[in-house]
Amino acid sequence: MSNSKTKKLVGVAMLASLAWVISMLAFPVLPGSPFLKVDFSDLAVLFGMYVYGPAAGITIAFIRSLLSYAQKGGEMGFPIGDTAAFIASVSFTLPIYLVLIKHGSSLKNKIAGIFSSTLSLTVMMSVLNWLFIAPAYMAVMGFDVGPMRTYLLLAVVPFNLIKGVLVGLVFYVAFSKLKPWLDKTKKKYKKKRAHRMVANETH
């Protein structure tokens, strides 16, 4: 295995482990729905996307959710929450990553990134709760959310709006501090990857 691939695997594994640890530091933001909790594990996913690309970021989110399922065993053995967390991460991180890569991190683009990611997250999780998450919890855990429309409008939508804005703001603050190191790491990875591709073409 080439040196660049090895370093990428190590980097993805480290970020996935970090994301898993961070995910355990979750906290509620809505008094009426304390089971809906925010964590900042998507920061590790976004850093992975920035350095190694979107596929690596999605892999980090998947490994984080897999580790969470292995630790907690899901809901009666079913990975309902962990599957939802994975889908939420992908729906939130991809838009903000695309805005960052294509347009940069000016104030205007930061606002656009947070807006697009929050909208994507809120729509995806509203639909997912309506069709899968809430029904699955009710079927497996006997969990009652009351009238679905009320639950979506008063719990799911405001929670994801708050989460999207909060995580987006924290990401950009952290990104501005870590950007020199992230750029250096990204440059090294791309340079070694380019050398590997050239070496493969000459053989």
N, C-alpha and C. Protein backbone atom coordinates (compact mmCIF):
# COMPACT_ATOMS: atom_id res chain seq x y z
N MET A 1 0.85 -1.20 0.00
CA MET A 1 0.00 0.00 0.00
C MET A 1 0.88 1.25 0.00
N SER A 2 0.55 2.23 -0.82
CA SER A 2 1.37 3.43 -0.93
C SER A 2 1.31 4.24 0.35
N ASN A 3 2.34 5.10 0.52
CA ASN A 3 2.44 5.93 1.71
C ASN A 3 1.27 6.89 1.83
N SER A 4 0.82 7.46 0.69
CA SER A 4 -0.29 8.41 0.70
C SER A 4 -1.60 7.73 1.12
N LYS A 5 -1.82 6.51 0.62
CA LYS A 5 -3.03 5.78 1.01
C LYS A 5 -3.01 5.43 2.49
N THR A 6 -1.83 5.03 2.98
CA THR A 6 -1.70 4.68 4.40
C THR A 6 -2.00 5.89 5.27
N LYS A 7 -1.43 7.04 4.91
CA LYS A 7 -1.66 8.24 5.71
C LYS A 7 -3.12 8.67 5.66
N LYS A 8 -3.76 8.49 4.50
CA LYS A 8 -5.17 8.83 4.40
C LYS A 8 -6.01 7.92 5.30
N LEU A 9 -5.73 6.62 5.28
CA LEU A 9 -6.45 5.67 6.12
C LEU A 9 -6.27 6.00 7.60
N VAL A 10 -5.03 6.34 7.96
CA VAL A 10 -4.76 6.70 9.36
C VAL A 10 -5.50 7.98 9.73
N GLY A 11 -5.47 8.96 8.83
CA GLY A 11 -6.16 10.21 9.09
C GLY A 11 -7.66 10.03 9.23
N VAL A 12 -8.25 9.25 8.33
CA VAL A 12 -9.69 8.98 8.39
C VAL A 12 -10.04 8.23 9.69
N ALA A 13 -9.22 7.25 10.05
CA ALA A 13 -9.48 6.48 11.27
C ALA A 13 -9.40 7.37 12.51
N MET A 14 -8.41 8.26 12.55
CA MET A 14 -8.27 9.16 13.69
C MET A 14 -9.44 10.13 13.79
N LEU A 15 -9.85 10.68 12.66
CA LEU A 15 -10.98 11.61 12.66
C LEU A 15 -12.29 10.90 13.02
N ALA A 16 -12.45 9.66 12.56
CA ALA A 16 -13.65 8.88 12.90
C ALA A 16 -13.69 8.61 14.40
N SER A 17 -12.55 8.26 14.97
CA SER A 17 -12.48 8.02 16.42
C SER A 17 -12.78 9.30 17.19
N LEU A 18 -12.23 10.43 16.70
CA LEU A 18 -12.50 11.72 17.34
C LEU A 18 -13.98 12.07 17.25
N ALA A 19 -14.56 11.83 16.09
CA ALA A 19 -15.99 12.11 15.91
C ALA A 19 -16.83 11.27 16.86
N TRP A 20 -16.45 10.02 17.05
CA TRP A 20 -17.19 9.13 17.96
C TRP A 20 -17.11 9.64 19.39
N VAL A 21 -15.93 10.06 19.82
CA VAL A 21 -15.76 10.58 21.18
C VAL A 21 -16.59 11.85 21.36
N ILE A 22 -16.51 12.74 20.37
CA ILE A 22 -17.27 14.00 20.46
C ILE A 22 -18.77 13.73 20.49
N SER A 23 -19.21 12.71 19.75
CA SER A 23 -20.65 12.42 19.68
C SER A 23 -21.23 12.03 21.04
N MET A 24 -20.37 11.57 21.94
CA MET A 24 -20.85 11.19 23.27
C MET A 24 -21.06 12.40 24.17
N LEU A 25 -20.59 13.56 23.73
CA LEU A 25 -20.75 14.80 24.51
C LEU A 25 -21.96 15.58 24.01
N ALA A 26 -23.06 14.89 23.83
CA ALA A 26 -24.27 15.51 23.28
C ALA A 26 -25.08 16.18 24.39
N PHE A 27 -25.86 17.18 24.01
CA PHE A 27 -26.67 17.91 25.00
C PHE A 27 -27.98 18.36 24.35
N PRO A 28 -29.06 18.42 25.12
CA PRO A 28 -30.36 18.85 24.58
C PRO A 28 -30.40 20.37 24.43
N VAL A 29 -31.23 20.83 23.49
CA VAL A 29 -31.39 22.28 23.30
C VAL A 29 -32.86 22.70 23.39
N LEU A 30 -33.76 21.73 23.34
CA LEU A 30 -35.19 22.03 23.46
C LEU A 30 -35.72 21.40 24.75
N PRO A 31 -36.16 22.20 25.71
CA PRO A 31 -36.67 21.65 26.98
C PRO A 31 -37.81 20.64 26.79
N GLY A 32 -38.64 20.86 25.78
CA GLY A 32 -39.77 19.97 25.55
C GLY A 32 -39.40 18.66 24.88
N SER A 33 -38.20 18.59 24.33
CA SER A 33 -37.74 17.37 23.65
C SER A 33 -36.29 17.07 24.04
N PRO A 34 -36.08 16.67 25.30
CA PRO A 34 -34.70 16.45 25.79
C PRO A 34 -33.99 15.28 25.12
N PHE A 35 -34.74 14.41 24.41
CA PHE A 35 -34.13 13.26 23.74
C PHE A 35 -33.47 13.67 22.42
N LEU A 36 -33.77 14.87 21.94
CA LEU A 36 -33.10 15.40 20.75
C LEU A 36 -31.87 16.17 21.20
N LYS A 37 -30.69 15.67 20.85
CA LYS A 37 -29.45 16.24 21.37
C LYS A 37 -28.50 16.68 20.26
N VAL A 38 -27.78 17.74 20.53
CA VAL A 38 -26.78 18.27 19.61
C VAL A 38 -25.40 17.79 20.03
N ASP A 39 -24.58 17.43 19.06
CA ASP A 39 -23.16 17.20 19.31
C ASP A 39 -22.38 17.82 18.16
N PHE A 40 -21.07 17.90 18.32
CA PHE A 40 -20.24 18.56 17.32
C PHE A 40 -19.34 17.60 16.57
N SER A 41 -19.76 16.34 16.47
CA SER A 41 -18.95 15.35 15.75
C SER A 41 -18.85 15.64 14.26
N ASP A 42 -19.79 16.42 13.72
CA ASP A 42 -19.73 16.76 12.30
C ASP A 42 -18.53 17.65 11.97
N LEU A 43 -17.91 18.26 12.98
CA LEU A 43 -16.71 19.04 12.72
C LEU A 43 -15.60 18.15 12.19
N ALA A 44 -15.45 16.98 12.82
CA ALA A 44 -14.42 16.03 12.36
C ALA A 44 -14.73 15.53 10.95
N VAL A 45 -16.01 15.34 10.66
CA VAL A 45 -16.43 14.92 9.32
C VAL A 45 -16.06 16.00 8.29
N LEU A 46 -16.33 17.24 8.62
CA LEU A 46 -16.04 18.35 7.71
C LEU A 46 -14.53 18.54 7.51
N PHE A 47 -13.76 18.39 8.57
CA PHE A 47 -12.31 18.50 8.44
C PHE A 47 -11.77 17.39 7.54
N GLY A 48 -12.34 16.19 7.69
CA GLY A 48 -11.95 15.07 6.84
C GLY A 48 -12.30 15.31 5.39
N MET A 49 -13.47 15.88 5.15
CA MET A 49 -13.87 16.22 3.78
C MET A 49 -12.92 17.25 3.17
N TYR A 50 -12.58 18.25 3.96
CA TYR A 50 -11.73 19.32 3.46
C TYR A 50 -10.35 18.81 3.06
N VAL A 51 -9.78 17.93 3.86
CA VAL A 51 -8.43 17.43 3.60
C VAL A 51 -8.42 16.30 2.59
N TYR A 52 -9.33 15.32 2.73
CA TYR A 52 -9.27 14.10 1.94
C TYR A 52 -10.37 13.95 0.89
N GLY A 53 -11.37 14.83 0.92
CA GLY A 53 -12.46 14.73 -0.04
C GLY A 53 -13.76 14.26 0.57
N PRO A 54 -14.89 14.42 -0.15
CA PRO A 54 -16.21 14.09 0.40
C PRO A 54 -16.39 12.62 0.75
N ALA A 55 -15.81 11.71 -0.05
CA ALA A 55 -15.96 10.28 0.24
C ALA A 55 -15.34 9.93 1.59
N ALA A 56 -14.21 10.54 1.90
CA ALA A 56 -13.55 10.30 3.18
C ALA A 56 -14.41 10.83 4.33
N GLY A 57 -15.02 11.99 4.12
CA GLY A 57 -15.89 12.54 5.16
C GLY A 57 -17.09 11.65 5.43
N ILE A 58 -17.70 11.14 4.37
CA ILE A 58 -18.83 10.23 4.52
C ILE A 58 -18.39 8.95 5.24
N THR A 59 -17.18 8.49 4.93
CA THR A 59 -16.64 7.30 5.61
C THR A 59 -16.45 7.57 7.10
N ILE A 60 -15.97 8.76 7.43
CA ILE A 60 -15.79 9.14 8.84
C ILE A 60 -17.13 9.12 9.57
N ALA A 61 -18.16 9.68 8.94
CA ALA A 61 -19.49 9.69 9.55
C ALA A 61 -20.02 8.27 9.74
N PHE A 62 -19.77 7.41 8.75
CA PHE A 62 -20.23 6.02 8.82
C PHE A 62 -19.53 5.26 9.95
N ILE A 63 -18.21 5.41 10.04
CA ILE A 63 -17.45 4.72 11.09
C ILE A 63 -17.87 5.22 12.47
N ARG A 64 -18.07 6.53 12.60
CA ARG A 64 -18.55 7.08 13.87
C ARG A 64 -19.87 6.43 14.30
N SER A 65 -20.81 6.35 13.36
CA SER A 65 -22.10 5.75 13.68
C SER A 65 -21.97 4.26 13.95
N LEU A 66 -21.06 3.60 13.24
CA LEU A 66 -20.83 2.17 13.46
C LEU A 66 -20.24 1.93 14.85
N LEU A 67 -19.30 2.77 15.26
CA LEU A 67 -18.71 2.66 16.60
C LEU A 67 -19.75 2.91 17.67
N SER A 68 -20.62 3.89 17.42
CA SER A 68 -21.69 4.19 18.37
C SER A 68 -22.64 3.01 18.52
N TYR A 69 -22.97 2.38 17.38
CA TYR A 69 -23.85 1.21 17.43
C TYR A 69 -23.19 0.04 18.16
N ALA A 70 -21.89 -0.16 17.91
CA ALA A 70 -21.16 -1.24 18.58
C ALA A 70 -21.10 -1.01 20.08
N GLN A 71 -21.01 0.25 20.47
CA GLN A 71 -20.92 0.56 21.90
C GLN A 71 -22.27 0.44 22.61
N LYS A 72 -23.31 1.00 22.00
CA LYS A 72 -24.60 1.08 22.67
C LYS A 72 -25.57 -0.02 22.28
N GLY A 73 -25.35 -0.66 21.12
CA GLY A 73 -26.25 -1.72 20.69
C GLY A 73 -27.53 -1.24 20.06
N GLY A 74 -27.61 0.06 19.80
CA GLY A 74 -28.79 0.60 19.14
C GLY A 74 -30.03 0.56 20.00
N GLU A 75 -31.17 0.53 19.36
CA GLU A 75 -32.46 0.48 20.05
C GLU A 75 -33.03 -0.92 19.91
N MET A 76 -32.96 -1.69 20.98
CA MET A 76 -33.39 -3.10 20.96
C MET A 76 -32.68 -3.87 19.86
N GLY A 77 -31.41 -3.50 19.63
CA GLY A 77 -30.61 -4.17 18.60
C GLY A 77 -30.70 -3.55 17.23
N PHE A 78 -31.60 -2.59 17.04
CA PHE A 78 -31.75 -1.93 15.74
C PHE A 78 -31.03 -0.58 15.73
N PRO A 79 -30.25 -0.31 14.69
CA PRO A 79 -29.48 0.95 14.64
C PRO A 79 -30.30 2.13 14.15
N ILE A 80 -31.41 2.42 14.82
CA ILE A 80 -32.29 3.48 14.35
C ILE A 80 -31.63 4.84 14.51
N GLY A 81 -31.21 5.14 15.73
CA GLY A 81 -30.59 6.43 15.99
C GLY A 81 -29.28 6.62 15.26
N ASP A 82 -28.48 5.57 15.18
CA ASP A 82 -27.17 5.67 14.52
C ASP A 82 -27.32 5.84 13.01
N THR A 83 -28.32 5.19 12.44
CA THR A 83 -28.60 5.38 11.00
C THR A 83 -29.06 6.81 10.75
N ALA A 84 -29.93 7.31 11.62
CA ALA A 84 -30.41 8.69 11.49
C ALA A 84 -29.26 9.67 11.63
N ALA A 85 -28.33 9.39 12.57
CA ALA A 85 -27.19 10.28 12.78
C ALA A 85 -26.29 10.32 11.55
N PHE A 86 -26.11 9.17 10.91
CA PHE A 86 -25.28 9.11 9.71
C PHE A 86 -25.90 9.93 8.57
N ILE A 87 -27.19 9.72 8.34
CA ILE A 87 -27.89 10.46 7.28
C ILE A 87 -27.89 11.95 7.57
N ALA A 88 -28.09 12.31 8.85
CA ALA A 88 -28.07 13.72 9.24
C ALA A 88 -26.71 14.34 8.95
N SER A 89 -25.64 13.61 9.26
CA SER A 89 -24.29 14.12 9.02
C SER A 89 -24.04 14.37 7.54
N VAL A 90 -24.42 13.42 6.71
CA VAL A 90 -24.20 13.56 5.27
C VAL A 90 -25.02 14.73 4.72
N SER A 91 -26.27 14.84 5.14
CA SER A 91 -27.13 15.91 4.62
C SER A 91 -26.67 17.29 5.08
N PHE A 92 -25.99 17.35 6.24
CA PHE A 92 -25.50 18.63 6.74
C PHE A 92 -24.13 18.99 6.19
N THR A 93 -23.21 18.04 6.16
CA THR A 93 -21.82 18.35 5.82
C THR A 93 -21.58 18.57 4.32
N LEU A 94 -22.26 17.83 3.47
CA LEU A 94 -22.00 17.97 2.03
C LEU A 94 -22.28 19.38 1.50
N PRO A 95 -23.42 20.01 1.83
CA PRO A 95 -23.65 21.37 1.30
C PRO A 95 -22.61 22.38 1.79
N ILE A 96 -22.27 22.33 3.07
CA ILE A 96 -21.31 23.31 3.61
C ILE A 96 -19.93 23.06 3.02
N TYR A 97 -19.59 21.81 2.77
CA TYR A 97 -18.31 21.47 2.14
C TYR A 97 -18.27 22.00 0.70
N LEU A 98 -19.32 21.79 -0.05
CA LEU A 98 -19.36 22.23 -1.45
C LEU A 98 -19.26 23.75 -1.57
N VAL A 99 -19.94 24.46 -0.69
CA VAL A 99 -19.85 25.93 -0.70
C VAL A 99 -18.43 26.36 -0.34
N LEU A 100 -17.84 25.72 0.64
CA LEU A 100 -16.49 26.07 1.08
C LEU A 100 -15.46 25.82 -0.03
N ILE A 101 -15.55 24.68 -0.69
CA ILE A 101 -14.59 24.32 -1.72
C ILE A 101 -14.75 25.16 -2.99
N LYS A 102 -15.99 25.37 -3.40
CA LYS A 102 -16.25 26.07 -4.66
C LYS A 102 -16.19 27.59 -4.55
N HIS A 103 -16.55 28.11 -3.38
CA HIS A 103 -16.68 29.57 -3.26
C HIS A 103 -15.80 30.21 -2.18
N GLY A 104 -15.17 29.41 -1.33
CA GLY A 104 -14.31 29.97 -0.30
C GLY A 104 -15.05 30.24 1.00
N SER A 105 -14.36 30.94 1.91
CA SER A 105 -14.90 31.13 3.26
C SER A 105 -15.07 32.61 3.61
N SER A 106 -15.49 33.42 2.64
CA SER A 106 -15.83 34.81 2.95
C SER A 106 -17.08 34.82 3.83
N LEU A 107 -17.38 35.94 4.44
CA LEU A 107 -18.55 36.03 5.31
C LEU A 107 -19.83 35.66 4.57
N LYS A 108 -19.95 36.16 3.33
CA LYS A 108 -21.12 35.84 2.51
C LYS A 108 -21.24 34.34 2.28
N ASN A 109 -20.12 33.70 1.99
CA ASN A 109 -20.15 32.26 1.72
C ASN A 109 -20.34 31.44 2.99
N LYS A 110 -19.85 31.95 4.10
CA LYS A 110 -20.10 31.28 5.37
C LYS A 110 -21.60 31.25 5.66
N ILE A 111 -22.25 32.39 5.45
CA ILE A 111 -23.70 32.47 5.67
C ILE A 111 -24.42 31.53 4.71
N ALA A 112 -23.98 31.52 3.44
CA ALA A 112 -24.59 30.65 2.43
C ALA A 112 -24.38 29.19 2.80
N GLY A 113 -23.19 28.86 3.29
CA GLY A 113 -22.91 27.47 3.68
C GLY A 113 -23.77 27.02 4.84
N ILE A 114 -23.87 27.86 5.86
CA ILE A 114 -24.68 27.50 7.02
C ILE A 114 -26.15 27.40 6.64
N PHE A 115 -26.62 28.35 5.81
CA PHE A 115 -28.02 28.33 5.39
C PHE A 115 -28.35 27.07 4.59
N SER A 116 -27.51 26.75 3.61
CA SER A 116 -27.79 25.59 2.76
C SER A 116 -27.71 24.28 3.55
N SER A 117 -26.74 24.18 4.43
CA SER A 117 -26.59 22.96 5.23
C SER A 117 -27.73 22.80 6.22
N THR A 118 -28.11 23.91 6.85
CA THR A 118 -29.21 23.86 7.83
C THR A 118 -30.52 23.51 7.14
N LEU A 119 -30.76 24.08 5.97
CA LEU A 119 -31.97 23.77 5.21
C LEU A 119 -31.97 22.30 4.80
N SER A 120 -30.85 21.82 4.28
CA SER A 120 -30.74 20.41 3.87
C SER A 120 -30.99 19.48 5.05
N LEU A 121 -30.35 19.78 6.18
CA LEU A 121 -30.51 18.96 7.39
C LEU A 121 -31.96 18.95 7.86
N THR A 122 -32.57 20.11 7.91
CA THR A 122 -33.93 20.22 8.44
C THR A 122 -34.94 19.50 7.55
N VAL A 123 -34.83 19.68 6.24
CA VAL A 123 -35.74 19.00 5.32
C VAL A 123 -35.55 17.49 5.38
N MET A 124 -34.29 17.05 5.32
CA MET A 124 -34.00 15.62 5.33
C MET A 124 -34.50 14.94 6.61
N MET A 125 -34.22 15.56 7.75
CA MET A 125 -34.61 14.94 9.01
C MET A 125 -36.11 15.02 9.27
N SER A 126 -36.75 16.03 8.72
CA SER A 126 -38.21 16.11 8.84
C SER A 126 -38.86 14.97 8.06
N VAL A 127 -38.41 14.79 6.82
CA VAL A 127 -38.94 13.70 5.99
C VAL A 127 -38.60 12.35 6.60
N LEU A 128 -37.37 12.20 7.07
CA LEU A 128 -36.92 10.94 7.64
C LEU A 128 -37.68 10.60 8.92
N ASN A 129 -37.94 11.61 9.75
CA ASN A 129 -38.72 11.36 10.97
C ASN A 129 -40.15 10.97 10.63
N TRP A 130 -40.69 11.60 9.64
CA TRP A 130 -42.06 11.32 9.23
C TRP A 130 -42.20 9.89 8.69
N LEU A 131 -41.24 9.49 7.86
CA LEU A 131 -41.35 8.20 7.18
C LEU A 131 -40.70 7.04 7.93
N PHE A 132 -39.64 7.31 8.69
CA PHE A 132 -38.86 6.20 9.25
C PHE A 132 -38.55 6.31 10.75
N ILE A 133 -37.89 7.39 11.17
CA ILE A 133 -37.35 7.44 12.54
C ILE A 133 -38.43 7.34 13.60
N ALA A 134 -39.39 8.27 13.56
CA ALA A 134 -40.44 8.26 14.59
C ALA A 134 -41.27 6.96 14.55
N PRO A 135 -41.71 6.50 13.36
CA PRO A 135 -42.43 5.22 13.32
C PRO A 135 -41.60 4.05 13.84
N ALA A 136 -40.29 4.06 13.55
CA ALA A 136 -39.42 2.98 14.01
C ALA A 136 -39.30 2.99 15.53
N TYR A 137 -39.12 4.18 16.11
CA TYR A 137 -39.04 4.29 17.57
C TYR A 137 -40.35 3.84 18.23
N MET A 138 -41.46 4.21 17.60
CA MET A 138 -42.76 3.83 18.16
C MET A 138 -42.97 2.32 18.08
N ALA A 139 -42.52 1.72 16.98
CA ALA A 139 -42.69 0.28 16.80
C ALA A 139 -41.75 -0.53 17.69
N VAL A 140 -40.50 -0.09 17.79
CA VAL A 140 -39.48 -0.87 18.51
C VAL A 140 -39.46 -0.54 20.00
N MET A 141 -39.56 0.74 20.33
CA MET A 141 -39.39 1.17 21.71
C MET A 141 -40.71 1.55 22.40
N GLY A 142 -41.80 1.55 21.65
CA GLY A 142 -43.06 1.98 22.23
C GLY A 142 -43.07 3.47 22.53
N PHE A 143 -42.25 4.22 21.80
CA PHE A 143 -42.08 5.65 22.02
C PHE A 143 -43.23 6.40 21.38
N ASP A 144 -43.86 7.32 22.12
CA ASP A 144 -45.01 8.06 21.60
C ASP A 144 -44.64 9.53 21.44
N VAL A 145 -44.69 10.04 20.22
CA VAL A 145 -44.37 11.45 19.97
C VAL A 145 -45.61 12.31 19.84
N GLY A 146 -46.79 11.68 19.97
CA GLY A 146 -48.02 12.42 19.81
C GLY A 146 -48.35 12.63 18.34
N PRO A 147 -49.20 13.60 18.02
CA PRO A 147 -49.54 13.87 16.61
C PRO A 147 -48.27 14.17 15.81
N MET A 148 -48.10 13.48 14.70
CA MET A 148 -46.86 13.59 13.92
C MET A 148 -46.61 15.02 13.45
N ARG A 149 -47.64 15.69 12.96
CA ARG A 149 -47.46 17.04 12.45
C ARG A 149 -46.96 17.98 13.54
N THR A 150 -47.53 17.84 14.73
CA THR A 150 -47.13 18.68 15.86
C THR A 150 -45.69 18.37 16.26
N TYR A 151 -45.35 17.10 16.28
CA TYR A 151 -43.98 16.70 16.63
C TYR A 151 -42.97 17.26 15.64
N LEU A 152 -43.29 17.20 14.36
CA LEU A 152 -42.37 17.71 13.35
C LEU A 152 -42.21 19.23 13.45
N LEU A 153 -43.33 19.93 13.61
CA LEU A 153 -43.30 21.38 13.61
C LEU A 153 -42.72 21.97 14.89
N LEU A 154 -42.97 21.32 16.03
CA LEU A 154 -42.56 21.88 17.32
C LEU A 154 -41.29 21.27 17.89
N ALA A 155 -40.85 20.16 17.30
CA ALA A 155 -39.64 19.51 17.84
C ALA A 155 -38.57 19.32 16.77
N VAL A 156 -38.89 18.55 15.73
CA VAL A 156 -37.88 18.19 14.73
C VAL A 156 -37.37 19.41 13.96
N VAL A 157 -38.28 20.23 13.45
CA VAL A 157 -37.87 21.39 12.65
C VAL A 157 -37.06 22.39 13.48
N PRO A 158 -37.57 22.87 14.63
CA PRO A 158 -36.76 23.83 15.40
C PRO A 158 -35.44 23.25 15.90
N PHE A 159 -35.44 21.97 16.27
CA PHE A 159 -34.20 21.35 16.73
C PHE A 159 -33.13 21.37 15.65
N ASN A 160 -33.49 20.98 14.44
CA ASN A 160 -32.51 20.91 13.36
C ASN A 160 -32.10 22.30 12.87
N LEU A 161 -33.00 23.26 12.96
CA LEU A 161 -32.62 24.63 12.64
C LEU A 161 -31.57 25.14 13.62
N ILE A 162 -31.80 24.89 14.90
CA ILE A 162 -30.85 25.30 15.93
C ILE A 162 -29.52 24.55 15.77
N LYS A 163 -29.62 23.24 15.57
CA LYS A 163 -28.42 22.43 15.42
C LYS A 163 -27.59 22.87 14.22
N GLY A 164 -28.24 23.07 13.08
CA GLY A 164 -27.52 23.44 11.88
C GLY A 164 -26.77 24.75 12.04
N VAL A 165 -27.43 25.76 12.57
CA VAL A 165 -26.80 27.06 12.77
C VAL A 165 -25.67 26.96 13.79
N LEU A 166 -25.92 26.27 14.90
CA LEU A 166 -24.93 26.16 15.98
C LEU A 166 -23.68 25.42 15.51
N VAL A 167 -23.87 24.26 14.89
CA VAL A 167 -22.73 23.47 14.42
C VAL A 167 -22.00 24.21 13.30
N GLY A 168 -22.74 24.87 12.42
CA GLY A 168 -22.13 25.63 11.34
C GLY A 168 -21.26 26.76 11.86
N LEU A 169 -21.75 27.49 12.85
CA LEU A 169 -20.97 28.60 13.43
C LEU A 169 -19.70 28.09 14.10
N VAL A 170 -19.85 27.03 14.89
CA VAL A 170 -18.68 26.46 15.57
C VAL A 170 -17.66 25.94 14.56
N PHE A 171 -18.16 25.33 13.48
CA PHE A 171 -17.24 24.82 12.46
C PHE A 171 -16.41 25.94 11.86
N TYR A 172 -17.05 27.04 11.48
CA TYR A 172 -16.30 28.11 10.83
C TYR A 172 -15.32 28.79 11.79
N VAL A 173 -15.67 28.86 13.07
CA VAL A 173 -14.73 29.40 14.06
C VAL A 173 -13.52 28.48 14.16
N ALA A 174 -13.78 27.17 14.28
CA ALA A 174 -12.69 26.20 14.38
C ALA A 174 -11.88 26.15 13.09
N PHE A 175 -12.57 26.23 11.95
CA PHE A 175 -11.90 26.17 10.65
C PHE A 175 -10.93 27.34 10.46
N SER A 176 -11.34 28.53 10.89
CA SER A 176 -10.48 29.70 10.75
C SER A 176 -9.21 29.55 11.58
N LYS A 177 -9.31 28.86 12.71
CA LYS A 177 -8.14 28.64 13.56
C LYS A 177 -7.24 27.53 13.01
N LEU A 178 -7.85 26.51 12.45
CA LEU A 178 -7.10 25.33 12.00
C LEU A 178 -6.74 25.34 10.52
N LYS A 179 -7.21 26.34 9.78
CA LYS A 179 -7.02 26.34 8.33
C LYS A 179 -5.56 26.20 7.90
N PRO A 180 -4.61 26.92 8.51
CA PRO A 180 -3.21 26.74 8.09
C PRO A 180 -2.74 25.30 8.21
N TRP A 181 -3.07 24.65 9.31
CA TRP A 181 -2.67 23.26 9.51
C TRP A 181 -3.42 22.34 8.54
N LEU A 182 -4.70 22.57 8.34
CA LEU A 182 -5.48 21.75 7.42
C LEU A 182 -4.98 21.90 5.99
N ASP A 183 -4.66 23.13 5.60
CA ASP A 183 -4.13 23.36 4.25
C ASP A 183 -2.78 22.66 4.06
N LYS A 184 -1.95 22.70 5.08
CA LYS A 184 -0.65 22.04 5.02
C LYS A 184 -0.81 20.53 4.88
N THR A 185 -1.71 19.97 5.67
CA THR A 185 -1.98 18.53 5.61
C THR A 185 -2.57 18.14 4.25
N LYS A 186 -3.49 18.96 3.77
CA LYS A 186 -4.12 18.71 2.46
C LYS A 186 -3.10 18.78 1.33
N LYS A 187 -2.22 19.75 1.40
CA LYS A 187 -1.19 19.92 0.37
C LYS A 187 -0.24 18.72 0.34
N LYS A 188 0.16 18.26 1.52
CA LYS A 188 1.04 17.09 1.60
C LYS A 188 0.36 15.85 1.02
N TYR A 189 -0.91 15.67 1.36
CA TYR A 189 -1.64 14.50 0.86
C TYR A 189 -1.77 14.55 -0.65
N LYS A 190 -2.12 15.71 -1.20
CA LYS A 190 -2.29 15.84 -2.65
C LYS A 190 -0.95 15.65 -3.38
N LYS A 191 0.11 16.17 -2.78
CA LYS A 191 1.42 16.03 -3.40
C LYS A 191 1.85 14.58 -3.48
N LYS A 192 1.67 13.84 -2.38
CA LYS A 192 2.04 12.42 -2.37
C LYS A 192 1.13 11.60 -3.29
N ARG A 193 -0.14 12.02 -3.36
CA ARG A 193 -1.07 11.32 -4.25
C ARG A 193 -0.67 11.52 -5.71
N ALA A 194 -0.26 12.76 -6.03
CA ALA A 194 0.17 13.06 -7.40
C ALA A 194 1.42 12.27 -7.76
N HIS A 195 2.36 12.17 -6.82
CA HIS A 195 3.58 11.39 -7.05
C HIS A 195 3.25 9.92 -7.29
N ARG A 196 2.28 9.42 -6.53
CA ARG A 196 1.89 8.01 -6.68
C ARG A 196 1.27 7.77 -8.06
N MET A 197 0.44 8.71 -8.51
CA MET A 197 -0.21 8.56 -9.82
C MET A 197 0.82 8.60 -10.94
N VAL A 198 1.82 9.50 -10.80
CA VAL A 198 2.86 9.58 -11.81
C VAL A 198 3.68 8.30 -11.83
N ALA A 199 3.98 7.77 -10.64
CA ALA A 199 4.74 6.54 -10.53
C ALA A 199 4.00 5.36 -11.17
N ASN A 200 2.67 5.34 -10.97
CA ASN A 200 1.86 4.26 -11.55
C ASN A 200 1.82 4.34 -13.08
N GLU A 201 1.82 5.59 -13.59
CA GLU A 201 1.77 5.75 -15.05
C GLU A 201 3.08 5.35 -15.73
N THR A 202 4.18 5.45 -14.98
CA THR A 202 5.50 5.12 -15.56
C THR A 202 5.83 3.65 -15.49
N HIS A 203 4.95 2.88 -14.81
CA HIS A 203 5.20 1.43 -14.70
C HIS A 203 4.28 0.65 -15.65
